[in-house]
Amino acid sequence: MAKKKNFPLRIDPELYAVIERWAQEEFRSVNSHIEFLLRDAARREGRLKKKKEKE
């Protein structure tokens, strides 16, 4: 697996609390849930291509 990029993220505490609760409901860490949300948004906007399924 490729190494992931680390960077600081400043976020509104109220929004963080929402994401934290949401992540718990989805059994994810806050970090992985933020990545999931960003990846989903990028796919929906056509900025990230879907991986080809193996045949």
N, C-alpha and C. Protein backbone atom coordinates (compact mmCIF):
# COMPACT_ATOMS: atom_id res chain seq x y z
N MET A 1 0.84 -1.17 0.00
CA MET A 1 0.00 0.00 0.00
C MET A 1 0.89 1.24 0.00
N ALA A 2 0.47 2.25 -0.73
CA ALA A 2 1.24 3.49 -0.79
C ALA A 2 1.19 4.22 0.55
N LYS A 3 2.29 4.91 0.84
CA LYS A 3 2.34 5.68 2.07
C LYS A 3 1.37 6.85 1.97
N LYS A 4 0.69 7.14 3.06
CA LYS A 4 -0.28 8.23 3.08
C LYS A 4 0.40 9.53 3.48
N LYS A 5 -0.11 10.62 2.95
CA LYS A 5 0.41 11.95 3.23
C LYS A 5 -0.14 12.46 4.55
N ASN A 6 0.74 12.93 5.42
CA ASN A 6 0.34 13.54 6.69
C ASN A 6 0.31 15.04 6.53
N PHE A 7 -0.70 15.69 7.13
CA PHE A 7 -0.76 17.14 7.13
C PHE A 7 -1.66 17.60 8.28
N PRO A 8 -1.40 18.79 8.83
CA PRO A 8 -2.25 19.29 9.91
C PRO A 8 -3.58 19.78 9.34
N LEU A 9 -4.63 19.60 10.09
CA LEU A 9 -5.96 20.03 9.67
C LEU A 9 -6.58 20.85 10.80
N ARG A 10 -6.91 22.08 10.50
CA ARG A 10 -7.62 22.92 11.46
C ARG A 10 -9.10 22.84 11.10
N ILE A 11 -9.92 22.52 12.09
CA ILE A 11 -11.34 22.31 11.83
C ILE A 11 -12.14 22.88 13.00
N ASP A 12 -13.30 23.40 12.68
CA ASP A 12 -14.20 23.95 13.68
C ASP A 12 -14.56 22.85 14.70
N PRO A 13 -14.49 23.14 15.99
CA PRO A 13 -14.78 22.12 17.02
C PRO A 13 -16.19 21.51 16.89
N GLU A 14 -17.16 22.31 16.51
CA GLU A 14 -18.52 21.79 16.35
C GLU A 14 -18.59 20.79 15.20
N LEU A 15 -17.94 21.10 14.09
CA LEU A 15 -17.90 20.18 12.96
C LEU A 15 -17.14 18.92 13.32
N TYR A 16 -16.04 19.06 14.06
CA TYR A 16 -15.27 17.90 14.49
C TYR A 16 -16.15 16.96 15.34
N ALA A 17 -16.93 17.53 16.23
CA ALA A 17 -17.81 16.71 17.09
C ALA A 17 -18.82 15.94 16.24
N VAL A 18 -19.35 16.58 15.21
CA VAL A 18 -20.30 15.91 14.31
C VAL A 18 -19.60 14.75 13.60
N ILE A 19 -18.42 15.00 13.07
CA ILE A 19 -17.69 13.96 12.35
C ILE A 19 -17.28 12.84 13.30
N GLU A 20 -16.91 13.19 14.51
CA GLU A 20 -16.52 12.18 15.50
C GLU A 20 -17.68 11.24 15.81
N ARG A 21 -18.86 11.79 16.04
CA ARG A 21 -20.04 10.94 16.31
C ARG A 21 -20.38 10.09 15.09
N TRP A 22 -20.32 10.70 13.91
CA TRP A 22 -20.63 10.00 12.66
C TRP A 22 -19.65 8.85 12.46
N ALA A 23 -18.39 9.09 12.70
CA ALA A 23 -17.37 8.04 12.54
C ALA A 23 -17.64 6.88 13.49
N GLN A 24 -18.02 7.19 14.73
CA GLN A 24 -18.33 6.13 15.70
C GLN A 24 -19.49 5.28 15.21
N GLU A 25 -20.50 5.92 14.65
CA GLU A 25 -21.66 5.19 14.13
C GLU A 25 -21.29 4.27 12.97
N GLU A 26 -20.27 4.65 12.22
CA GLU A 26 -19.83 3.87 11.07
C GLU A 26 -18.66 2.94 11.41
N PHE A 27 -18.28 2.88 12.70
CA PHE A 27 -17.18 2.04 13.19
C PHE A 27 -15.86 2.38 12.49
N ARG A 28 -15.61 3.69 12.34
CA ARG A 28 -14.37 4.17 11.74
C ARG A 28 -13.70 5.13 12.71
N SER A 29 -12.40 5.34 12.50
CA SER A 29 -11.72 6.40 13.22
C SER A 29 -12.11 7.73 12.56
N VAL A 30 -11.90 8.82 13.27
CA VAL A 30 -12.19 10.14 12.69
C VAL A 30 -11.36 10.33 11.43
N ASN A 31 -10.08 9.99 11.49
CA ASN A 31 -9.20 10.15 10.34
C ASN A 31 -9.71 9.37 9.13
N SER A 32 -10.04 8.10 9.32
CA SER A 32 -10.49 7.29 8.18
C SER A 32 -11.85 7.76 7.68
N HIS A 33 -12.69 8.29 8.56
CA HIS A 33 -13.99 8.78 8.12
C HIS A 33 -13.84 10.06 7.29
N ILE A 34 -12.94 10.94 7.70
CA ILE A 34 -12.69 12.15 6.91
C ILE A 34 -12.17 11.75 5.53
N GLU A 35 -11.25 10.80 5.48
CA GLU A 35 -10.74 10.34 4.19
C GLU A 35 -11.85 9.73 3.35
N PHE A 36 -12.73 8.93 3.97
CA PHE A 36 -13.86 8.33 3.28
C PHE A 36 -14.77 9.41 2.68
N LEU A 37 -15.09 10.44 3.48
CA LEU A 37 -15.97 11.51 3.01
C LEU A 37 -15.34 12.29 1.86
N LEU A 38 -14.05 12.59 1.97
CA LEU A 38 -13.37 13.33 0.91
C LEU A 38 -13.29 12.51 -0.37
N ARG A 39 -12.97 11.22 -0.24
CA ARG A 39 -12.89 10.35 -1.42
C ARG A 39 -14.25 10.22 -2.09
N ASP A 40 -15.31 10.07 -1.30
CA ASP A 40 -16.66 9.97 -1.85
C ASP A 40 -17.05 11.25 -2.59
N ALA A 41 -16.75 12.40 -2.00
CA ALA A 41 -17.06 13.68 -2.65
C ALA A 41 -16.28 13.83 -3.95
N ALA A 42 -15.00 13.45 -3.95
CA ALA A 42 -14.18 13.55 -5.16
C ALA A 42 -14.70 12.64 -6.26
N ARG A 43 -15.15 11.44 -5.90
CA ARG A 43 -15.74 10.52 -6.90
C ARG A 43 -17.02 11.09 -7.48
N ARG A 44 -17.90 11.60 -6.61
CA ARG A 44 -19.18 12.15 -7.08
C ARG A 44 -18.99 13.33 -8.01
N GLU A 45 -17.94 14.10 -7.81
CA GLU A 45 -17.65 15.26 -8.65
C GLU A 45 -16.84 14.88 -9.90
N GLY A 46 -16.52 13.60 -10.05
CA GLY A 46 -15.77 13.15 -11.22
C GLY A 46 -14.30 13.50 -11.18
N ARG A 47 -13.79 13.79 -10.01
CA ARG A 47 -12.38 14.17 -9.89
C ARG A 47 -11.50 12.99 -9.51
N LEU A 48 -12.11 11.89 -9.15
CA LEU A 48 -11.38 10.69 -8.78
C LEU A 48 -12.04 9.52 -9.49
N LYS A 49 -11.27 8.85 -10.33
CA LYS A 49 -11.83 7.74 -11.08
C LYS A 49 -11.97 6.52 -10.19
N LYS A 50 -12.99 5.73 -10.45
CA LYS A 50 -13.18 4.49 -9.72
C LYS A 50 -12.11 3.48 -10.15
N LYS A 51 -11.68 2.66 -9.19
CA LYS A 51 -10.72 1.62 -9.51
C LYS A 51 -11.41 0.56 -10.35
N LYS A 52 -10.68 0.01 -11.33
CA LYS A 52 -11.23 -1.05 -12.16
C LYS A 52 -11.38 -2.30 -11.32
N GLU A 53 -12.52 -2.96 -11.51
CA GLU A 53 -12.74 -4.21 -10.80
C GLU A 53 -11.96 -5.31 -11.47
N LYS A 54 -11.38 -6.21 -10.67
CA LYS A 54 -10.63 -7.34 -11.21
C LYS A 54 -11.60 -8.33 -11.81
N GLU A 55 -11.23 -8.87 -12.96
CA GLU A 55 -12.09 -9.85 -13.65
C GLU A 55 -11.73 -11.25 -13.29
